[in-house]
C-alpha atoms as a PDB file:
ATOM      1  CA  UNK A   1     132.454 233.780  73.919  1.00  0.00           C
ATOM      2  CA  UNK A   2     133.482 230.831  74.746  1.00  0.00           C
ATOM      3  CA  UNK A   3     133.808 226.799  73.134  1.00  0.00           C
ATOM      4  CA  UNK A   4     133.499 223.966  75.431  1.00  0.00           C
ATOM      5  CA  UNK A   5     136.363 221.387  76.221  1.00  0.00           C
ATOM      6  CA  UNK A   6     133.958 218.693  74.777  1.00  0.00           C
ATOM      7  CA  UNK A   7     132.735 220.455  71.969  1.00  0.00           C
ATOM      8  CA  UNK A   8     136.674 221.364  70.776  1.00  0.00           C
ATOM      9  CA  UNK A   9     138.291 218.053  71.757  1.00  0.00           C
ATOM     10  CA  UNK A  10     135.080 216.481  69.295  1.00  0.00           C
ATOM     11  CA  UNK A  11     136.536 218.789  66.866  1.00  0.00           C
ATOM     12  CA  UNK A  12     140.201 217.997  67.073  1.00  0.00           C
ATOM     13  CA  UNK A  13     139.536 214.447  66.732  1.00  0.00           C
ATOM     14  CA  UNK A  14     136.944 214.404  64.527  1.00  0.00           C
ATOM     15  CA  UNK A  15     138.025 216.845  61.943  1.00  0.00           C
ATOM     16  CA  UNK A  16     141.703 217.120  62.281  1.00  0.00           C
ATOM     17  CA  UNK A  17     142.974 213.468  63.969  1.00  0.00           C
ATOM     18  CA  UNK A  18     140.834 211.336  62.214  1.00  0.00           C
ATOM     19  CA  UNK A  19     140.694 213.332  58.917  1.00  0.00           C
ATOM     20  CA  UNK A  20     142.653 215.876  57.590  1.00  0.00           C
ATOM     21  CA  UNK A  21     146.121 215.424  59.492  1.00  0.00           C
ATOM     22  CA  UNK A  22     146.223 211.563  59.344  1.00  0.00           C
ATOM     23  CA  UNK A  23     145.999 212.130  54.631  1.00  0.00           C
ATOM     24  CA  UNK A  24     149.055 214.445  55.352  1.00  0.00           C
ATOM     25  CA  UNK A  25     147.678 217.628  56.152  1.00  0.00           C
ATOM     26  CA  UNK A  26     149.262 219.883  59.004  1.00  0.00           C
ATOM     27  CA  UNK A  27     147.932 222.713  61.189  1.00  0.00           C
ATOM     28  CA  UNK A  28     148.140 224.797  64.219  1.00  0.00           C
ATOM     29  CA  UNK A  29     145.786 225.613  66.813  1.00  0.00           C
ATOM     30  CA  UNK A  30     145.726 228.094  69.982  1.00  0.00           C
ATOM     31  CA  UNK A  31     143.986 227.355  72.616  1.00  0.00           C
ATOM     32  CA  UNK A  32     143.136 229.415  75.787  1.00  0.00           C
ATOM     33  CA  UNK A  33     142.061 227.486  78.659  1.00  0.00           C
ATOM     34  CA  UNK A  34     139.909 229.417  80.995  1.00  0.00           C
ATOM     35  CA  UNK A  35     139.420 228.894  84.767  1.00  0.00           C
ATOM     36  CA  UNK A  36     137.366 226.274  85.312  1.00  0.00           C
ATOM     37  CA  UNK A  37     139.649 223.910  82.595  1.00  0.00           C
ATOM     38  CA  UNK A  38     142.103 221.785  84.164  1.00  0.00           C
ATOM     39  CA  UNK A  39     145.019 221.590  82.392  1.00  0.00           C
ATOM     40  CA  UNK A  40     146.291 218.244  83.011  1.00  0.00           C
ATOM     41  CA  UNK A  41     142.971 217.141  82.569  1.00  0.00           C
ATOM     42  CA  UNK A  42     142.828 218.590  79.258  1.00  0.00           C
ATOM     43  CA  UNK A  43     146.627 217.383  78.048  1.00  0.00           C
ATOM     44  CA  UNK A  44     145.688 213.750  79.630  1.00  0.00           C
ATOM     45  CA  UNK A  45     142.604 214.397  76.837  1.00  0.00           C
ATOM     46  CA  UNK A  46     144.662 215.148  73.835  1.00  0.00           C
ATOM     47  CA  UNK A  47     147.095 212.608  74.171  1.00  0.00           C
ATOM     48  CA  UNK A  48     144.335 210.100  74.519  1.00  0.00           C
ATOM     49  CA  UNK A  49     142.534 211.390  71.334  1.00  0.00           C
ATOM     50  CA  UNK A  50     146.013 211.159  69.417  1.00  0.00           C
ATOM     51  CA  UNK A  51     146.887 207.973  70.919  1.00  0.00           C
ATOM     52  CA  UNK A  52     143.684 206.212  69.939  1.00  0.00           C
ATOM     53  CA  UNK A  53     144.082 207.634  66.350  1.00  0.00           C
ATOM     54  CA  UNK A  54     147.787 206.669  66.553  1.00  0.00           C
ATOM     55  CA  UNK A  55     149.542 209.335  66.710  1.00  0.00           C
ATOM     56  CA  UNK A  56     152.937 209.944  68.507  1.00  0.00           C
ATOM     57  CA  UNK A  57     152.220 212.405  71.173  1.00  0.00           C
ATOM     58  CA  UNK A  58     154.869 215.171  72.528  1.00  0.00           C
ATOM     59  CA  UNK A  59     153.625 217.552  75.247  1.00  0.00           C
ATOM     60  CA  UNK A  60     156.641 220.739  75.741  1.00  0.00           C
ATOM     61  CA  UNK A  61     156.232 223.270  78.542  1.00  0.00           C
ATOM     62  CA  UNK A  62     158.033 226.422  78.173  1.00  0.00           C
ATOM     63  CA  UNK A  63     158.631 226.054  82.191  1.00  0.00           C
ATOM     64  CA  UNK A  64     161.223 223.634  81.210  1.00  0.00           C
ATOM     65  CA  UNK A  65     162.362 223.990  77.623  1.00  0.00           C
ATOM     66  CA  UNK A  66     162.535 226.982  75.424  1.00  0.00           C
ATOM     67  CA  UNK A  67     160.482 226.874  72.961  1.00  0.00           C
ATOM     68  CA  UNK A  68     161.403 229.881  71.074  1.00  0.00           C
ATOM     69  CA  UNK A  69     164.404 227.901  70.029  1.00  0.00           C
ATOM     70  CA  UNK A  70     163.823 225.203  67.690  1.00  0.00           C
ATOM     71  CA  UNK A  71     166.523 223.215  68.331  1.00  0.00           C
ATOM     72  CA  UNK A  72     165.810 223.035  71.803  1.00  0.00           C
ATOM     73  CA  UNK A  73     161.682 222.175  70.793  1.00  0.00           C
ATOM     74  CA  UNK A  74     163.154 219.684  68.275  1.00  0.00           C
ATOM     75  CA  UNK A  75     165.644 218.110  71.114  1.00  0.00           C
ATOM     76  CA  UNK A  76     162.465 218.056  73.727  1.00  0.00           C
ATOM     77  CA  UNK A  77     160.829 216.174  71.067  1.00  0.00           C
ATOM     78  CA  UNK A  78     163.504 213.899  70.191  1.00  0.00           C
ATOM     79  CA  UNK A  79     163.144 212.638  74.255  1.00  0.00           C
ATOM     80  CA  UNK A  80     159.796 211.340  73.576  1.00  0.00           C
ATOM     81  CA  UNK A  81     160.287 209.364  70.417  1.00  0.00           C
ATOM     82  CA  UNK A  82     161.478 205.539  71.202  1.00  0.00           C
ATOM     83  CA  UNK A  83     163.611 205.646  68.066  1.00  0.00           C
ATOM     84  CA  UNK A  84     164.701 201.769  68.222  1.00  0.00           C
ATOM     85  CA  UNK A  85     161.382 200.863  68.085  1.00  0.00           C
ATOM     86  CA  UNK A  86     160.812 203.523  64.849  1.00  0.00           C
ATOM     87  CA  UNK A  87     163.653 201.184  63.025  1.00  0.00           C
ATOM     88  CA  UNK A  88     162.721 198.166  64.195  1.00  0.00           C
ATOM     89  CA  UNK A  89     159.143 198.697  62.692  1.00  0.00           C
ATOM     90  CA  UNK A  90     160.288 199.747  59.410  1.00  0.00           C
ATOM     91  CA  UNK A  91     163.190 196.763  59.091  1.00  0.00           C
ATOM     92  CA  UNK A  92     160.646 194.213  59.428  1.00  0.00           C
ATOM     93  CA  UNK A  93     158.267 196.038  57.029  1.00  0.00           C
ATOM     94  CA  UNK A  94     161.383 196.274  54.905  1.00  0.00           C
ATOM     95  CA  UNK A  95     162.063 191.741  55.600  1.00  0.00           C
ATOM     96  CA  UNK A  96     157.939 191.123  55.647  1.00  0.00           C
ATOM     97  CA  UNK A  97     157.718 193.129  51.915  1.00  0.00           C
ATOM     98  CA  UNK A  98     160.330 190.664  50.591  1.00  0.00           C
ATOM     99  CA  UNK A  99     158.267 187.836  51.962  1.00  0.00           C
ATOM    100  CA  UNK A 100     161.475 186.918  54.817  1.00  0.00           C
ATOM    101  CA  UNK A 101     160.823 184.583  57.105  1.00  0.00           C
ATOM    102  CA  UNK A 102     161.167 186.706  60.513  1.00  0.00           C
ATOM    103  CA  UNK A 103     161.833 185.494  64.148  1.00  0.00           C
ATOM    104  CA  UNK A 104     158.771 186.509  66.068  1.00  0.00           C
ATOM    105  CA  UNK A 105     160.498 187.465  69.482  1.00  0.00           C
ATOM    106  CA  UNK A 106     162.204 190.894  68.814  1.00  0.00           C
ATOM    107  CA  UNK A 107     165.388 189.657  70.904  1.00  0.00           C
ATOM    108  CA  UNK A 108     166.446 187.016  68.255  1.00  0.00           C
ATOM    109  CA  UNK A 109     165.967 189.802  65.688  1.00  0.00           C
ATOM    110  CA  UNK A 110     169.403 189.911  64.138  1.00  0.00           C
ATOM    111  CA  UNK A 111     170.870 189.046  60.589  1.00  0.00           C
ATOM    112  CA  UNK A 112     172.211 185.839  61.523  1.00  0.00           C
ATOM    113  CA  UNK A 113     168.877 184.325  62.607  1.00  0.00           C
ATOM    114  CA  UNK A 114     166.797 185.677  59.701  1.00  0.00           C
ATOM    115  CA  UNK A 115     169.503 184.295  57.233  1.00  0.00           C
ATOM    116  CA  UNK A 116     169.136 180.682  58.809  1.00  0.00           C
ATOM    117  CA  UNK A 117     165.045 181.074  58.735  1.00  0.00           C
ATOM    118  CA  UNK A 118     165.086 181.594  55.253  1.00  0.00           C
ATOM    119  CA  UNK A 119     168.544 179.448  54.382  1.00  0.00           C
ATOM    120  CA  UNK A 120     170.571 182.940  53.040  1.00  0.00           C
ATOM    121  CA  UNK A 121     174.112 183.461  53.411  1.00  0.00           C
ATOM    122  CA  UNK A 122     174.507 186.449  56.226  1.00  0.00           C
ATOM    123  CA  UNK A 123     177.096 187.938  53.697  1.00  0.00           C
ATOM    124  CA  UNK A 124     174.529 188.315  50.977  1.00  0.00           C
ATOM    125  CA  UNK A 125     171.982 189.407  52.846  1.00  0.00           C
ATOM    126  CA  UNK A 126     173.949 192.308  54.718  1.00  0.00           C
ATOM    127  CA  UNK A 127     174.590 193.541  51.372  1.00  0.00           C
ATOM    128  CA  UNK A 128     170.561 193.000  50.572  1.00  0.00           C
ATOM    129  CA  UNK A 129     169.865 195.393  53.727  1.00  0.00           C
ATOM    130  CA  UNK A 130     172.075 197.698  52.726  1.00  0.00           C
ATOM    131  CA  UNK A 131     170.482 197.812  49.330  1.00  0.00           C
ATOM    132  CA  UNK A 132     167.056 197.800  50.589  1.00  0.00           C
ATOM    133  CA  UNK A 133     167.882 200.938  52.928  1.00  0.00           C
ATOM    134  CA  UNK A 134     169.619 203.066  51.028  1.00  0.00           C
ATOM    135  CA  UNK A 135     166.603 202.793  48.234  1.00  0.00           C
ATOM    136  CA  UNK A 136     164.075 203.004  51.215  1.00  0.00           C
ATOM    137  CA  UNK A 137     165.296 205.405  52.933  1.00  0.00           C
ATOM    138  CA  UNK A 138     168.360 207.250  52.004  1.00  0.00           C
ATOM    139  CA  UNK A 139     166.099 207.839  48.285  1.00  0.00           C
ATOM    140  CA  UNK A 140     163.670 209.530  49.952  1.00  0.00           C
ATOM    141  CA  UNK A 141     163.995 213.064  49.579  1.00  0.00           C
ATOM    142  CA  UNK A 142     160.933 214.166  51.704  1.00  0.00           C
ATOM    143  CA  UNK A 143     163.433 213.647  54.608  1.00  0.00           C
ATOM    144  CA  UNK A 144     166.815 215.972  55.178  1.00  0.00           C
ATOM    145  CA  UNK A 145     169.925 214.334  54.311  1.00  0.00           C
ATOM    146  CA  UNK A 146     171.262 214.728  57.802  1.00  0.00           C
ATOM    147  CA  UNK A 147     167.725 212.738  59.197  1.00  0.00           C
ATOM    148  CA  UNK A 148     167.891 210.032  56.864  1.00  0.00           C
ATOM    149  CA  UNK A 149     171.679 208.937  57.090  1.00  0.00           C
ATOM    150  CA  UNK A 150     171.134 209.316  61.185  1.00  0.00           C
ATOM    151  CA  UNK A 151     167.747 206.505  60.369  1.00  0.00           C
ATOM    152  CA  UNK A 152     169.841 204.390  57.761  1.00  0.00           C
ATOM    153  CA  UNK A 153     172.529 203.586  61.233  1.00  0.00           C
ATOM    154  CA  UNK A 154     169.982 203.214  63.141  1.00  0.00           C
ATOM    155  CA  UNK A 155     168.365 201.027  61.349  1.00  0.00           C
ATOM    156  CA  UNK A 156     171.584 198.571  60.491  1.00  0.00           C
ATOM    157  CA  UNK A 157     171.804 198.963  64.530  1.00  0.00           C
ATOM    158  CA  UNK A 158     168.385 196.745  64.780  1.00  0.00           C
ATOM    159  CA  UNK A 159     170.288 193.374  62.782  1.00  0.00           C
ATOM    160  CA  UNK A 160     173.865 194.166  62.113  1.00  0.00           C
ATOM    161  CA  UNK A 161     175.897 195.693  65.181  1.00  0.00           C
ATOM    162  CA  UNK A 162     178.959 194.272  63.091  1.00  0.00           C
ATOM    163  CA  UNK A 163     178.170 197.063  60.689  1.00  0.00           C
ATOM    164  CA  UNK A 164     176.455 199.451  62.891  1.00  0.00           C
ATOM    165  CA  UNK A 165     178.318 199.636  65.986  1.00  0.00           C
ATOM    166  CA  UNK A 166     176.172 200.211  69.464  1.00  0.00           C
ATOM    167  CA  UNK A 167     178.329 203.173  70.405  1.00  0.00           C
ATOM    168  CA  UNK A 168     177.426 204.998  67.214  1.00  0.00           C
ATOM    169  CA  UNK A 169     173.796 204.331  67.313  1.00  0.00           C
ATOM    170  CA  UNK A 170     173.655 205.499  71.022  1.00  0.00           C
ATOM    171  CA  UNK A 171     175.684 208.561  69.762  1.00  0.00           C
ATOM    172  CA  UNK A 172     172.876 209.656  67.072  1.00  0.00           C
ATOM    173  CA  UNK A 173     170.147 208.811  69.627  1.00  0.00           C
ATOM    174  CA  UNK A 174     172.219 211.501  71.774  1.00  0.00           C
ATOM    175  CA  UNK A 175     172.812 214.161  68.757  1.00  0.00           C
ATOM    176  CA  UNK A 176     169.243 213.347  68.494  1.00  0.00           C
ATOM    177  CA  UNK A 177     168.000 214.570  72.043  1.00  0.00           C
ATOM    178  CA  UNK A 178     171.031 216.880  72.268  1.00  0.00           C
ATOM    179  CA  UNK A 179     172.908 215.404  74.352  1.00  0.00           C
ATOM    180  CA  UNK A 180     176.134 214.841  72.165  1.00  0.00           C
ATOM    181  CA  UNK A 181     179.433 216.262  73.533  1.00  0.00           C
ATOM    182  CA  UNK A 182     181.313 215.869  71.013  1.00  0.00           C
ATOM    183  CA  UNK A 183     180.146 215.971  67.109  1.00  0.00           C
ATOM    184  CA  UNK A 184     183.481 213.970  65.987  1.00  0.00           C
ATOM    185  CA  UNK A 185     182.094 210.816  67.056  1.00  0.00           C
ATOM    186  CA  UNK A 186     179.993 210.768  64.182  1.00  0.00           C
ATOM    187  CA  UNK A 187     181.762 211.130  61.905  1.00  0.00           C
ATOM    188  CA  UNK A 188     182.385 207.860  60.630  1.00  0.00           C
ATOM    189  CA  UNK A 189     178.444 208.128  59.895  1.00  0.00           C
ATOM    190  CA  UNK A 190     178.880 211.059  57.940  1.00  0.00           C
ATOM    191  CA  UNK A 191     177.244 213.509  60.437  1.00  0.00           C
ATOM    192  CA  UNK A 192     179.375 216.768  61.086  1.00  0.00           C
ATOM    193  CA  UNK A 193     177.050 219.162  62.403  1.00  0.00           C
ATOM    194  CA  UNK A 194     174.706 219.498  65.497  1.00  0.00           C
ATOM    195  CA  UNK A 195     171.359 220.417  65.439  1.00  0.00           C
ATOM    196  CA  UNK A 196     170.966 224.088  65.370  1.00  0.00           C
ATOM    197  CA  UNK A 197     168.624 226.612  64.660  1.00  0.00           C
ATOM    198  CA  UNK A 198     169.697 226.565  60.978  1.00  0.00           C
ATOM    199  CA  UNK A 199     168.395 222.780  60.700  1.00  0.00           C
ATOM    200  CA  UNK A 200     166.169 221.550  63.394  1.00  0.00           C
ATOM    201  CA  UNK A 201     163.134 222.904  61.207  1.00  0.00           C
ATOM    202  CA  UNK A 202     163.913 220.765  59.004  1.00  0.00           C
ATOM    203  CA  UNK A 203     164.588 217.976  61.059  1.00  0.00           C
ATOM    204  CA  UNK A 204     161.568 217.917  62.460  1.00  0.00           C
ATOM    205  CA  UNK A 205     159.733 217.977  59.538  1.00  0.00           C
ATOM    206  CA  UNK A 206     161.675 214.930  58.583  1.00  0.00           C
ATOM    207  CA  UNK A 207     160.318 213.040  61.640  1.00  0.00           C
ATOM    208  CA  UNK A 208     156.786 213.299  60.993  1.00  0.00           C
ATOM    209  CA  UNK A 209     157.446 211.839  57.595  1.00  0.00           C
ATOM    210  CA  UNK A 210     159.314 209.086  59.151  1.00  0.00           C
ATOM    211  CA  UNK A 211     156.709 208.568  61.740  1.00  0.00           C
ATOM    212  CA  UNK A 212     153.934 208.073  58.782  1.00  0.00           C
ATOM    213  CA  UNK A 213     156.315 206.130  56.947  1.00  0.00           C
ATOM    214  CA  UNK A 214     156.659 203.793  60.103  1.00  0.00           C
ATOM    215  CA  UNK A 215     153.009 203.057  60.186  1.00  0.00           C
ATOM    216  CA  UNK A 216     152.148 206.269  62.677  1.00  0.00           C
ATOM    217  CA  UNK A 217     149.163 208.570  61.891  1.00  0.00           C
ATOM    218  CA  UNK A 218     151.614 211.720  62.207  1.00  0.00           C
ATOM    219  CA  UNK A 219     152.883 213.756  65.468  1.00  0.00           C
ATOM    220  CA  UNK A 220     150.411 215.438  67.748  1.00  0.00           C
ATOM    221  CA  UNK A 221     152.896 218.486  69.061  1.00  0.00           C
ATOM    222  CA  UNK A 222     151.079 219.972  72.406  1.00  0.00           C
ATOM    223  CA  UNK A 223     153.058 223.477  73.005  1.00  0.00           C
ATOM    224  CA  UNK A 224     152.257 225.139  76.566  1.00  0.00           C
ATOM    225  CA  UNK A 225     153.638 228.552  76.614  1.00  0.00           C
ATOM    226  CA  UNK A 226     152.142 229.519  79.606  1.00  0.00           C
ATOM    227  CA  UNK A 227     155.345 231.163  81.363  1.00  0.00           C
ATOM    228  CA  UNK A 228     156.281 232.937  78.267  1.00  0.00           C
ATOM    229  CA  UNK A 229     153.453 235.323  79.981  1.00  0.00           C
ATOM    230  CA  UNK A 230     155.011 235.780  83.677  1.00  0.00           C
ATOM    231  CA  UNK A 231     155.931 239.264  84.035  1.00  0.00           C
ATOM    232  CA  UNK A 232     158.172 238.824  86.772  1.00  0.00           C
ATOM    233  CA  UNK A 233     160.477 236.580  87.862  1.00  0.00           C
ATOM    234  CA  UNK A 234     159.535 233.960  90.490  1.00  0.00           C
ATOM    235  CA  UNK A 235     162.021 233.292  93.408  1.00  0.00           C
ATOM    236  CA  UNK A 236     161.212 229.519  93.420  1.00  0.00           C
ATOM    237  CA  UNK A 237     164.148 227.871  90.907  1.00  0.00           C
ATOM    238  CA  UNK A 238     160.950 225.251  90.894  1.00  0.00           C
ATOM    239  CA  UNK A 239     158.729 227.339  88.729  1.00  0.00           C
ATOM    240  CA  UNK A 240     161.545 227.161  85.718  1.00  0.00           C
ATOM    241  CA  UNK A 241     162.393 229.810  83.106  1.00  0.00           C
ATOM    242  CA  UNK A 242     161.922 233.472  83.291  1.00  0.00           C
ATOM    243  CA  UNK A 243     161.625 234.846  79.565  1.00  0.00           C
ATOM    244  CA  UNK A 244     162.761 238.430  78.890  1.00  0.00           C
ATOM    245  CA  UNK A 245     160.226 240.221  75.841  1.00  0.00           C
ATOM    246  CA  UNK A 246     162.643 239.436  73.493  1.00  0.00           C
ATOM    247  CA  UNK A 247     162.449 235.878  73.948  1.00  0.00           C
ATOM    248  CA  UNK A 248     158.533 236.279  74.277  1.00  0.00           C
ATOM    249  CA  UNK A 249     158.161 237.733  70.711  1.00  0.00           C
ATOM    250  CA  UNK A 250     161.020 235.695  69.063  1.00  0.00           C
ATOM    251  CA  UNK A 251     158.376 232.684  70.598  1.00  0.00           C
ATOM    252  CA  UNK A 252     155.717 234.380  68.673  1.00  0.00           C
ATOM    253  CA  UNK A 253     157.926 234.512  65.763  1.00  0.00           C
ATOM    254  CA  UNK A 254     158.629 230.623  65.966  1.00  0.00           C
ATOM    255  CA  UNK A 255     154.458 229.905  66.204  1.00  0.00           C
ATOM    256  CA  UNK A 256     154.231 232.160  63.408  1.00  0.00           C
ATOM    257  CA  UNK A 257     156.555 230.208  60.742  1.00  0.00           C
ATOM    258  CA  UNK A 258     155.123 227.423  61.713  1.00  0.00           C
ATOM    259  CA  UNK A 259     151.468 228.271  60.983  1.00  0.00           C
ATOM    260  CA  UNK A 260     153.031 229.854  57.270  1.00  0.00           C
ATOM    261  CA  UNK A 261     154.688 226.569  56.983  1.00  0.00           C
ATOM    262  CA  UNK A 262     151.764 224.376  57.148  1.00  0.00           C
ATOM    263  CA  UNK A 263     152.176 223.730  53.527  1.00  0.00           C
ATOM    264  CA  UNK A 264     155.523 221.883  54.205  1.00  0.00           C
ATOM    265  CA  UNK A 265     155.029 219.766  57.167  1.00  0.00           C
ATOM    266  CA  UNK A 266     153.302 216.550  56.584  1.00  0.00           C
ATOM    267  CA  UNK A 267     151.042 214.802  59.576  1.00  0.00           C
ATOM    268  CA  UNK A 268     151.621 217.357  61.865  1.00  0.00           C
ATOM    269  CA  UNK A 269     149.457 218.722  64.369  1.00  0.00           C
ATOM    270  CA  UNK A 270     150.628 221.616  66.624  1.00  0.00           C
ATOM    271  CA  UNK A 271     148.300 222.662  69.454  1.00  0.00           C
ATOM    272  CA  UNK A 272     149.549 225.806  71.509  1.00  0.00           C
ATOM    273  CA  UNK A 273     148.158 226.293  75.481  1.00  0.00           C
ATOM    274  CA  UNK A 274     148.309 230.172  76.256  1.00  0.00           C
ATOM    275  CA  UNK A 275     146.816 231.509  79.574  1.00  0.00           C
ATOM    276  CA  UNK A 276     144.126 234.107  79.530  1.00  0.00           C
ATOM    277  CA  UNK A 277     146.962 237.104  79.619  1.00  0.00           C
ATOM    278  CA  UNK A 278     147.876 235.456  75.828  1.00  0.00           C
ATOM    279  CA  UNK A 279     144.679 237.882  75.068  1.00  0.00           C
ATOM    280  CA  UNK A 280     144.935 240.569  77.228  1.00  0.00           C
ATOM    281  CA  UNK A 281     148.606 241.498  78.424  1.00  0.00           C
ATOM    282  CA  UNK A 282     149.575 244.099  76.165  1.00  0.00           C
ATOM    283  CA  UNK A 283     153.347 243.830  76.607  1.00  0.00           C
ATOM    284  CA  UNK A 284     153.668 240.145  76.671  1.00  0.00           C
ATOM    285  CA  UNK A 285     150.513 238.882  75.111  1.00  0.00           C
ATOM    286  CA  UNK A 286     149.291 238.704  71.431  1.00  0.00           C
ATOM    287  CA  UNK A 287     148.677 242.201  70.935  1.00  0.00           C
ATOM    288  CA  UNK A 288     152.258 242.707  70.980  1.00  0.00           C
ATOM    289  CA  UNK A 289     153.010 240.981  67.839  1.00  0.00           C
ATOM    290  CA  UNK A 290     150.587 241.682  64.921  1.00  0.00           C
ATOM    291  CA  UNK A 291     152.414 239.201  62.566  1.00  0.00           C
ATOM    292  CA  UNK A 292     151.178 236.374  64.575  1.00  0.00           C
ATOM    293  CA  UNK A 293     147.766 238.123  65.894  1.00  0.00           C
ATOM    294  CA  UNK A 294     147.066 239.067  62.225  1.00  0.00           C
ATOM    295  CA  UNK A 295     147.279 235.076  61.354  1.00  0.00           C
ATOM    296  CA  UNK A 296     144.812 233.834  64.182  1.00  0.00           C
ATOM    297  CA  UNK A 297     142.810 236.490  65.078  1.00  0.00           C
ATOM    298  CA  UNK A 298     139.118 236.167  63.991  1.00  0.00           C
ATOM    299  CA  UNK A 299     138.257 238.907  62.073  1.00  0.00           C
ATOM    300  CA  UNK A 300     134.508 238.309  61.910  1.00  0.00           C
ATOM    301  CA  UNK A 301     132.803 236.991  64.847  1.00  0.00           C
ATOM    302  CA  UNK A 302     128.902 235.397  65.361  1.00  0.00           C
ATOM    303  CA  UNK A 303     127.778 237.278  68.168  1.00  0.00           C
ATOM    304  CA  UNK A 304     126.099 234.181  69.463  1.00  0.00           C
ATOM    305  CA  UNK A 305     128.825 231.285  69.585  1.00  0.00           C
ATOM    306  CA  UNK A 306     132.684 231.007  68.661  1.00  0.00           C
ATOM    307  CA  UNK A 307     133.517 228.859  65.809  1.00  0.00           C
ATOM    308  CA  UNK A 308     135.247 225.507  67.183  1.00  0.00           C
ATOM    309  CA  UNK A 309     137.338 225.162  63.846  1.00  0.00           C
ATOM    310  CA  UNK A 310     139.003 228.413  64.494  1.00  0.00           C
ATOM    311  CA  UNK A 311     142.285 229.180  64.567  1.00  0.00           C
ATOM    312  CA  UNK A 312     142.302 230.554  68.450  1.00  0.00           C
ATOM    313  CA  UNK A 313     139.476 229.313  70.862  1.00  0.00           C
ATOM    314  CA  UNK A 314     139.010 230.266  74.500  1.00  0.00           C
ATOM    315  CA  UNK A 315     138.065 227.223  76.118  1.00  0.00           C
ATOM    316  CA  UNK A 316     135.698 226.413  79.271  1.00  0.00           C
ATOM    317  CA  UNK A 317     133.789 223.688  80.161  1.00  0.00           C
ATOM    318  CA  UNK A 318     130.963 224.734  80.358  1.00  0.00           C
ATOM    319  CA  UNK A 319     129.218 227.657  78.696  1.00  0.00           C
ATOM    320  CA  UNK A 320     126.294 230.184  79.923  1.00  0.00           C
ATOM    321  CA  UNK A 321     122.975 229.883  78.150  1.00  0.00           C
END
């Protein structure tokens, strides 16, 4: 039994993007497209649906990113985020709430121009900005401490390059993307450790909260795990990573943790795309990891129709009568 692509996408849009996740919920959905479903078209439809509902969309393919390592996953999400735009939105919102006049053009958006427009002394306005950011960001304990420090620095850089040097802002973005070579570069920012398995999950959850307080509905994260089901190593390097069976099980454990952690998430919809071998391969497929299977497999099924709201659906363009 299959669900049509249109029916499933309509359900994702109506029940989750437009309602449940937008209200602060979180969910993990598994989708197994059949041969007649074009992956690129499916991804394009998911992107369009997420953008229509004001979500940030991030897509990660296991062929190029080791999804079973949460830090690698977070770094790839971070590369798809416009961090400066989010920080700029936040700073503008703070000043707007305080009834300040603001420059129309982004290139004119700095402390000196805001002080001139509002007949204020730049030094005192800078002090107020630090106070605002301390209260609104550093005092928001829904985000991890390292993430809060990083966002404060990025916000300062939107207006006050004297207080938050440009090199420090660039280093923070490199840190988020996993591209920073020396963590000592961020010592002045009071960040002393790289993003790794022990803290990446907290940073991802902090990101979804940060998106929501900056006017976004949340994050749609699409994970294509097709490459994990490849049983033989390809001779073509362009095909991407090859994963051992233990790495496959690690990936399933990570997905299991996402499912069990939905109560801790905010505004996050994770969609996992898997090939049909996910259902049939005894060694690499779902049957090889009961902890995940027991969470997404339907124990009770309708004989005539698949439930489109189930945790896992088999997707086709058309369903035979």
